Amino acid sequence: MKPEIAFEDFSKLDIRIGTIINVLDFPNAKKSAYQLSIDFGELGIKKSSAQITDLYTKKQLLNKQIVAIVNFPTKQIANFFSECLVLGIENKNKQIVLLQASKQIKNGEKVN
């Protein structure tokens, strides 16, 4: 377990719902990954690299709503610039299962 944090620390995270609108292979990544373009509504389209090729095909990801942190600084991964962090949970096989809302939500809505 990680150390306890103050609520103010958690409230600094900007966690939003977005829809994946494009999925590309990422052959330059060290580990197998996709390059995602995600529509966050009024926040615009942000890109992310995601190591989710074990459980998801490109077709399965297209138009899927996901949860992401959108206020981290841009991070360069090989020749790609990731602008948000897609959230998921590692299962017992060390594969990432994406977090998502149980119902359709407007893109860009904030997780509270």
C-alpha atoms as a PDB file:
ATOM      1  CA  MET A   1       0.000   0.000   0.000  1.00  0.00           C
ATOM      2  CA  LYS A   2       1.213   3.509  -0.769  1.00  0.00           C
ATOM      3  CA  PRO A   3       1.440   6.248   1.881  1.00  0.00           C
ATOM      4  CA  GLU A   4      -1.672   8.180   2.804  1.00  0.00           C
ATOM      5  CA  ILE A   5      -2.138  11.492   0.975  1.00  0.00           C
ATOM      6  CA  ALA A   6      -4.230  14.558   1.649  1.00  0.00           C
ATOM      7  CA  PHE A   7      -7.440  15.117  -0.320  1.00  0.00           C
ATOM      8  CA  GLU A   8      -5.795  18.249  -1.755  1.00  0.00           C
ATOM      9  CA  ASP A   9      -3.205  16.009  -3.428  1.00  0.00           C
ATOM     10  CA  PHE A  10      -5.913  13.905  -5.089  1.00  0.00           C
ATOM     11  CA  SER A  11      -7.851  17.010  -6.143  1.00  0.00           C
ATOM     12  CA  LYS A  12      -4.839  18.163  -8.205  1.00  0.00           C
ATOM     13  CA  LEU A  13      -5.508  15.315 -10.664  1.00  0.00           C
ATOM     14  CA  ASP A  14      -7.731  16.175 -13.620  1.00  0.00           C
ATOM     15  CA  ILE A  15      -9.356  12.833 -14.465  1.00  0.00           C
ATOM     16  CA  ARG A  16     -11.684  12.881 -17.472  1.00  0.00           C
ATOM     17  CA  ILE A  17     -13.776  10.625 -19.690  1.00  0.00           C
ATOM     18  CA  GLY A  18     -12.798  10.469 -23.357  1.00  0.00           C
ATOM     19  CA  THR A  19     -13.518   8.417 -26.459  1.00  0.00           C
ATOM     20  CA  ILE A  20     -10.772   6.756 -28.480  1.00  0.00           C
ATOM     21  CA  ILE A  21     -11.107   8.028 -32.051  1.00  0.00           C
ATOM     22  CA  ASN A  22      -7.952   6.580 -33.620  1.00  0.00           C
ATOM     23  CA  VAL A  23      -5.647   3.649 -32.826  1.00  0.00           C
ATOM     24  CA  LEU A  24      -2.260   3.038 -34.433  1.00  0.00           C
ATOM     25  CA  ASP A  25       0.428   0.428 -33.864  1.00  0.00           C
ATOM     26  CA  PHE A  26       3.498   1.796 -32.057  1.00  0.00           C
ATOM     27  CA  PRO A  27       6.455  -0.195 -33.433  1.00  0.00           C
ATOM     28  CA  ASN A  28       9.064   2.127 -31.835  1.00  0.00           C
ATOM     29  CA  ALA A  29       7.842   1.491 -28.278  1.00  0.00           C
ATOM     30  CA  LYS A  30      10.071  -0.688 -26.053  1.00  0.00           C
ATOM     31  CA  LYS A  31       7.033  -2.755 -25.003  1.00  0.00           C
ATOM     32  CA  SER A  32       4.111  -3.573 -27.288  1.00  0.00           C
ATOM     33  CA  ALA A  33       1.774  -0.556 -27.325  1.00  0.00           C
ATOM     34  CA  TYR A  34      -0.740   1.458 -29.308  1.00  0.00           C
ATOM     35  CA  GLN A  35      -0.801   5.167 -30.090  1.00  0.00           C
ATOM     36  CA  LEU A  36      -4.257   6.468 -29.178  1.00  0.00           C
ATOM     37  CA  SER A  37      -6.037   9.683 -30.152  1.00  0.00           C
ATOM     38  CA  ILE A  38      -8.721  10.463 -27.577  1.00  0.00           C
ATOM     39  CA  ASP A  39     -11.560  12.984 -27.845  1.00  0.00           C
ATOM     40  CA  PHE A  40     -12.057  14.844 -24.552  1.00  0.00           C
ATOM     41  CA  GLY A  41     -14.855  17.131 -25.789  1.00  0.00           C
ATOM     42  CA  GLU A  42     -14.151  20.785 -24.998  1.00  0.00           C
ATOM     43  CA  LEU A  43     -10.564  19.883 -23.949  1.00  0.00           C
ATOM     44  CA  GLY A  44      -9.886  18.687 -27.483  1.00  0.00           C
ATOM     45  CA  ILE A  45      -8.079  15.638 -28.760  1.00  0.00           C
ATOM     46  CA  LYS A  46      -5.127  14.302 -26.791  1.00  0.00           C
ATOM     47  CA  LYS A  47      -2.712  11.512 -27.651  1.00  0.00           C
ATOM     48  CA  SER A  48      -1.530   8.697 -25.422  1.00  0.00           C
ATOM     49  CA  SER A  49       0.632   5.613 -25.655  1.00  0.00           C
ATOM     50  CA  ALA A  50      -0.935   2.560 -24.019  1.00  0.00           C
ATOM     51  CA  GLN A  51       0.512  -0.910 -23.385  1.00  0.00           C
ATOM     52  CA  ILE A  52      -2.817  -2.673 -23.873  1.00  0.00           C
ATOM     53  CA  THR A  53      -2.137  -4.849 -26.923  1.00  0.00           C
ATOM     54  CA  ASP A  54      -2.504  -8.105 -24.951  1.00  0.00           C
ATOM     55  CA  LEU A  55      -6.213  -7.667 -24.219  1.00  0.00           C
ATOM     56  CA  TYR A  56      -7.464  -5.219 -26.864  1.00  0.00           C
ATOM     57  CA  THR A  57      -7.412  -5.103 -30.650  1.00  0.00           C
ATOM     58  CA  LYS A  58      -7.425  -1.805 -32.513  1.00  0.00           C
ATOM     59  CA  LYS A  59     -10.996  -2.510 -33.610  1.00  0.00           C
ATOM     60  CA  GLN A  60     -12.134  -3.131 -30.002  1.00  0.00           C
ATOM     61  CA  LEU A  61     -10.591   0.159 -28.866  1.00  0.00           C
ATOM     62  CA  LEU A  62     -12.058   2.375 -31.570  1.00  0.00           C
ATOM     63  CA  ASN A  63     -14.969   4.417 -30.115  1.00  0.00           C
ATOM     64  CA  LYS A  64     -14.400   2.985 -26.608  1.00  0.00           C
ATOM     65  CA  GLN A  65     -14.766   5.426 -23.731  1.00  0.00           C
ATOM     66  CA  ILE A  66     -11.849   5.452 -21.294  1.00  0.00           C
ATOM     67  CA  VAL A  67     -10.728   7.275 -18.152  1.00  0.00           C
ATOM     68  CA  ALA A  68      -7.508   9.316 -18.256  1.00  0.00           C
ATOM     69  CA  ILE A  69      -5.497  11.880 -16.329  1.00  0.00           C
ATOM     70  CA  VAL A  70      -5.222  14.902 -18.613  1.00  0.00           C
ATOM     71  CA  ASN A  71      -3.071  17.339 -16.611  1.00  0.00           C
ATOM     72  CA  PHE A  72       0.290  15.583 -16.571  1.00  0.00           C
ATOM     73  CA  PRO A  73       3.065  17.233 -18.608  1.00  0.00           C
ATOM     74  CA  THR A  74       3.636  15.844 -22.108  1.00  0.00           C
ATOM     75  CA  LYS A  75       5.972  12.839 -22.049  1.00  0.00           C
ATOM     76  CA  GLN A  76       8.107  11.715 -24.969  1.00  0.00           C
ATOM     77  CA  ILE A  77       8.039   7.969 -25.590  1.00  0.00           C
ATOM     78  CA  ALA A  78      10.393   7.077 -28.454  1.00  0.00           C
ATOM     79  CA  ASN A  79       9.250   9.314 -31.337  1.00  0.00           C
ATOM     80  CA  PHE A  80       5.788   9.965 -29.862  1.00  0.00           C
ATOM     81  CA  PHE A  81       4.499  12.611 -27.434  1.00  0.00           C
ATOM     82  CA  SER A  82       1.956  11.316 -24.912  1.00  0.00           C
ATOM     83  CA  GLU A  83      -0.362  14.046 -23.586  1.00  0.00           C
ATOM     84  CA  CYS A  84      -2.455  12.079 -21.089  1.00  0.00           C
ATOM     85  CA  LEU A  85      -2.338   8.887 -19.025  1.00  0.00           C
ATOM     86  CA  VAL A  86      -5.017   6.301 -19.772  1.00  0.00           C
ATOM     87  CA  LEU A  87      -5.971   4.501 -16.561  1.00  0.00           C
ATOM     88  CA  GLY A  88      -6.172   0.758 -16.123  1.00  0.00           C
ATOM     89  CA  ILE A  89      -5.679  -2.059 -13.645  1.00  0.00           C
ATOM     90  CA  GLU A  90      -3.054  -4.779 -13.962  1.00  0.00           C
ATOM     91  CA  ASN A  91      -4.649  -8.228 -13.781  1.00  0.00           C
ATOM     92  CA  LYS A  92      -3.001 -11.395 -12.418  1.00  0.00           C
ATOM     93  CA  ASN A  93      -1.364 -11.990 -15.830  1.00  0.00           C
ATOM     94  CA  LYS A  94       0.216  -8.498 -15.753  1.00  0.00           C
ATOM     95  CA  GLN A  95      -2.102  -7.296 -18.538  1.00  0.00           C
ATOM     96  CA  ILE A  96      -3.763  -3.871 -18.340  1.00  0.00           C
ATOM     97  CA  VAL A  97      -7.571  -3.765 -18.135  1.00  0.00           C
ATOM     98  CA  LEU A  98      -8.913  -0.314 -19.007  1.00  0.00           C
ATOM     99  CA  LEU A  99     -11.035   1.649 -16.553  1.00  0.00           C
ATOM    100  CA  GLN A 100     -14.288   2.920 -18.010  1.00  0.00           C
ATOM    101  CA  ALA A 101     -17.655   4.298 -16.976  1.00  0.00           C
ATOM    102  CA  SER A 102     -20.549   1.835 -16.673  1.00  0.00           C
ATOM    103  CA  LYS A 103     -22.751   4.120 -18.814  1.00  0.00           C
ATOM    104  CA  GLN A 104     -22.083   6.440 -21.779  1.00  0.00           C
ATOM    105  CA  ILE A 105     -20.808   9.827 -20.562  1.00  0.00           C
ATOM    106  CA  LYS A 106     -20.227  13.111 -22.429  1.00  0.00           C
ATOM    107  CA  ASN A 107     -16.577  13.381 -23.508  1.00  0.00           C
ATOM    108  CA  GLY A 108     -14.557  15.609 -21.243  1.00  0.00           C
ATOM    109  CA  GLU A 109     -16.680  15.098 -18.129  1.00  0.00           C
ATOM    110  CA  LYS A 110     -14.593  15.200 -14.970  1.00  0.00           C
ATOM    111  CA  VAL A 111     -14.315  12.258 -12.580  1.00  0.00           C
ATOM    112  CA  ASN A 112     -15.129  13.432  -9.052  1.00  0.00           C
END
